[in-house]
Amino acid sequence: MGKAKARIVVKALTDTAIEKILTLGADDVAEDIERLRKVVHDLVEFWGIEEPLDVYFDARVDSFAKAQAV
């Protein structure tokens, strides 16, 4: 998988996680978010992607989850 495709996939998974948090609430989708997080981390590891896309996912999703908790 090329870098461009990996970015698109991770962005789509990130957007999905954020939408779930905003729509259903962080507490109700915690298990879903962890599954998506695992997919992103596995994708980055499997394809040997050097760009920190997993860090991007974690930072964006965690910021929305924390904002919803307040």
N, C-alpha and C. Protein backbone atom coordinates (compact mmCIF):
# COMPACT_ATOMS: atom_id res chain seq x y z
N MET A 1 0.85 -1.17 0.00
CA MET A 1 0.00 0.00 0.00
C MET A 1 0.89 1.23 0.00
N GLY A 2 0.58 2.15 -0.85
CA GLY A 2 1.36 3.37 -0.93
C GLY A 2 1.00 4.34 0.19
N LYS A 3 1.86 5.33 0.36
CA LYS A 3 1.65 6.32 1.41
C LYS A 3 0.34 7.08 1.22
N ALA A 4 0.04 7.45 0.00
CA ALA A 4 -1.18 8.21 -0.26
C ALA A 4 -2.43 7.41 0.11
N LYS A 5 -2.45 6.15 -0.28
CA LYS A 5 -3.60 5.29 0.04
C LYS A 5 -3.69 5.08 1.55
N ALA A 6 -2.56 4.88 2.20
CA ALA A 6 -2.55 4.69 3.65
C ALA A 6 -3.11 5.92 4.36
N ARG A 7 -2.73 7.10 3.90
CA ARG A 7 -3.26 8.34 4.48
C ARG A 7 -4.77 8.41 4.33
N ILE A 8 -5.26 8.06 3.16
CA ILE A 8 -6.71 8.09 2.91
C ILE A 8 -7.44 7.12 3.82
N VAL A 9 -6.92 5.91 3.94
CA VAL A 9 -7.56 4.90 4.78
C VAL A 9 -7.57 5.34 6.23
N VAL A 10 -6.43 5.81 6.73
CA VAL A 10 -6.36 6.23 8.14
C VAL A 10 -7.25 7.44 8.38
N LYS A 11 -7.30 8.38 7.44
CA LYS A 11 -8.19 9.53 7.60
C LYS A 11 -9.64 9.08 7.64
N ALA A 12 -10.02 8.14 6.79
CA ALA A 12 -11.39 7.63 6.78
C ALA A 12 -11.72 6.94 8.10
N LEU A 13 -10.80 6.15 8.63
CA LEU A 13 -11.02 5.48 9.91
C LEU A 13 -11.08 6.50 11.05
N THR A 14 -10.25 7.53 10.97
CA THR A 14 -10.26 8.60 11.96
C THR A 14 -11.59 9.34 11.93
N ASP A 15 -12.04 9.69 10.74
CA ASP A 15 -13.32 10.39 10.60
C ASP A 15 -14.47 9.52 11.10
N THR A 16 -14.41 8.24 10.85
CA THR A 16 -15.45 7.32 11.33
C THR A 16 -15.47 7.29 12.85
N ALA A 17 -14.31 7.20 13.46
CA ALA A 17 -14.23 7.17 14.93
C ALA A 17 -14.77 8.47 15.52
N ILE A 18 -14.39 9.59 14.95
CA ILE A 18 -14.84 10.89 15.45
C ILE A 18 -16.36 11.02 15.30
N GLU A 19 -16.88 10.61 14.16
CA GLU A 19 -18.33 10.69 13.94
C GLU A 19 -19.08 9.83 14.93
N LYS A 20 -18.56 8.66 15.23
CA LYS A 20 -19.19 7.79 16.23
C LYS A 20 -19.20 8.47 17.60
N ILE A 21 -18.09 9.09 17.96
CA ILE A 21 -18.00 9.78 19.25
C ILE A 21 -19.02 10.91 19.31
N LEU A 22 -19.07 11.72 18.25
CA LEU A 22 -19.97 12.87 18.24
C LEU A 22 -21.44 12.46 18.19
N THR A 23 -21.73 11.39 17.50
CA THR A 23 -23.12 10.96 17.32
C THR A 23 -23.64 10.15 18.51
N LEU A 24 -22.83 9.23 18.99
CA LEU A 24 -23.30 8.29 20.00
C LEU A 24 -22.72 8.52 21.39
N GLY A 25 -21.68 9.33 21.48
CA GLY A 25 -21.03 9.58 22.77
C GLY A 25 -19.82 8.67 22.97
N ALA A 26 -18.80 9.23 23.57
CA ALA A 26 -17.53 8.52 23.74
C ALA A 26 -17.69 7.24 24.56
N ASP A 27 -18.47 7.29 25.61
CA ASP A 27 -18.63 6.11 26.46
C ASP A 27 -19.31 4.96 25.73
N ASP A 28 -20.30 5.28 24.91
CA ASP A 28 -21.05 4.24 24.22
C ASP A 28 -20.29 3.58 23.08
N VAL A 29 -19.28 4.25 22.57
CA VAL A 29 -18.53 3.69 21.43
C VAL A 29 -17.09 3.33 21.77
N ALA A 30 -16.78 3.25 23.04
CA ALA A 30 -15.39 2.99 23.45
C ALA A 30 -14.84 1.70 22.83
N GLU A 31 -15.65 0.64 22.80
CA GLU A 31 -15.18 -0.62 22.22
C GLU A 31 -14.97 -0.48 20.71
N ASP A 32 -15.87 0.24 20.04
CA ASP A 32 -15.71 0.47 18.60
C ASP A 32 -14.43 1.24 18.31
N ILE A 33 -14.17 2.25 19.12
CA ILE A 33 -12.97 3.08 18.92
C ILE A 33 -11.72 2.24 19.10
N GLU A 34 -11.72 1.38 20.09
CA GLU A 34 -10.55 0.51 20.30
C GLU A 34 -10.34 -0.45 19.14
N ARG A 35 -11.42 -0.94 18.55
CA ARG A 35 -11.29 -1.81 17.37
C ARG A 35 -10.70 -1.02 16.20
N LEU A 36 -11.20 0.19 15.98
CA LEU A 36 -10.66 1.02 14.90
C LEU A 36 -9.20 1.37 15.16
N ARG A 37 -8.87 1.67 16.41
CA ARG A 37 -7.48 1.97 16.78
C ARG A 37 -6.57 0.79 16.46
N LYS A 38 -7.04 -0.42 16.78
CA LYS A 38 -6.25 -1.62 16.51
C LYS A 38 -6.04 -1.80 15.00
N VAL A 39 -7.08 -1.55 14.22
CA VAL A 39 -6.96 -1.65 12.76
C VAL A 39 -5.91 -0.67 12.24
N VAL A 40 -5.96 0.56 12.72
CA VAL A 40 -4.99 1.57 12.28
C VAL A 40 -3.57 1.15 12.66
N HIS A 41 -3.38 0.74 13.89
CA HIS A 41 -2.04 0.35 14.35
C HIS A 41 -1.54 -0.88 13.58
N ASP A 42 -2.44 -1.85 13.35
CA ASP A 42 -2.05 -3.03 12.57
C ASP A 42 -1.69 -2.66 11.14
N LEU A 43 -2.46 -1.77 10.53
CA LEU A 43 -2.19 -1.33 9.16
C LEU A 43 -0.81 -0.68 9.07
N VAL A 44 -0.52 0.21 9.99
CA VAL A 44 0.76 0.92 9.99
C VAL A 44 1.91 -0.07 10.17
N GLU A 45 1.73 -1.00 11.09
CA GLU A 45 2.79 -1.99 11.35
C GLU A 45 2.96 -2.95 10.17
N PHE A 46 1.85 -3.49 9.67
CA PHE A 46 1.92 -4.47 8.60
C PHE A 46 2.58 -3.91 7.34
N TRP A 47 2.18 -2.69 6.96
CA TRP A 47 2.70 -2.09 5.74
C TRP A 47 4.01 -1.36 5.96
N GLY A 48 4.50 -1.33 7.19
CA GLY A 48 5.78 -0.68 7.46
C GLY A 48 5.77 0.80 7.14
N ILE A 49 4.66 1.44 7.44
CA ILE A 49 4.49 2.86 7.13
C ILE A 49 5.29 3.68 8.13
N GLU A 50 6.20 4.48 7.62
CA GLU A 50 7.07 5.28 8.48
C GLU A 50 6.38 6.55 8.95
N GLU A 51 5.43 7.04 8.18
CA GLU A 51 4.68 8.24 8.59
C GLU A 51 3.85 7.89 9.83
N PRO A 52 3.82 8.76 10.82
CA PRO A 52 3.15 8.43 12.09
C PRO A 52 1.61 8.52 12.01
N LEU A 53 1.02 7.73 11.13
CA LEU A 53 -0.43 7.78 10.95
C LEU A 53 -1.17 7.26 12.18
N ASP A 54 -0.57 6.31 12.87
CA ASP A 54 -1.20 5.81 14.10
C ASP A 54 -1.23 6.89 15.17
N VAL A 55 -0.19 7.69 15.22
CA VAL A 55 -0.13 8.81 16.17
C VAL A 55 -1.19 9.85 15.81
N TYR A 56 -1.36 10.10 14.52
CA TYR A 56 -2.39 11.02 14.04
C TYR A 56 -3.77 10.54 14.50
N PHE A 57 -4.07 9.27 14.27
CA PHE A 57 -5.36 8.71 14.68
C PHE A 57 -5.56 8.89 16.18
N ASP A 58 -4.57 8.47 16.96
CA ASP A 58 -4.69 8.55 18.42
C ASP A 58 -4.93 9.98 18.90
N ALA A 59 -4.17 10.91 18.37
CA ALA A 59 -4.28 12.30 18.82
C ALA A 59 -5.64 12.90 18.47
N ARG A 60 -6.09 12.71 17.24
CA ARG A 60 -7.37 13.28 16.80
C ARG A 60 -8.54 12.65 17.55
N VAL A 61 -8.57 11.34 17.62
CA VAL A 61 -9.69 10.65 18.25
C VAL A 61 -9.71 10.93 19.75
N ASP A 62 -8.56 10.87 20.38
CA ASP A 62 -8.52 11.12 21.83
C ASP A 62 -8.95 12.53 22.18
N SER A 63 -8.61 13.50 21.33
CA SER A 63 -9.02 14.88 21.62
C SER A 63 -10.54 15.02 21.55
N PHE A 64 -11.18 14.35 20.62
CA PHE A 64 -12.64 14.41 20.55
C PHE A 64 -13.28 13.64 21.70
N ALA A 65 -12.71 12.51 22.06
CA ALA A 65 -13.25 11.73 23.17
C ALA A 65 -13.15 12.53 24.48
N LYS A 66 -12.04 13.19 24.71
CA LYS A 66 -11.87 13.99 25.92
C LYS A 66 -12.82 15.19 25.93
N ALA A 67 -13.02 15.80 24.78
CA ALA A 67 -13.94 16.94 24.70
C ALA A 67 -15.38 16.51 25.00
N GLN A 68 -15.74 15.32 24.60
CA GLN A 68 -17.08 14.81 24.87
C GLN A 68 -17.27 14.46 26.34
N ALA A 69 -16.18 14.11 27.01
CA ALA A 69 -16.25 13.71 28.42
C ALA A 69 -16.46 14.91 29.33
N VAL A 70 -16.14 16.09 28.84
CA VAL A 70 -16.24 17.30 29.67
C VAL A 70 -17.65 17.78 29.77
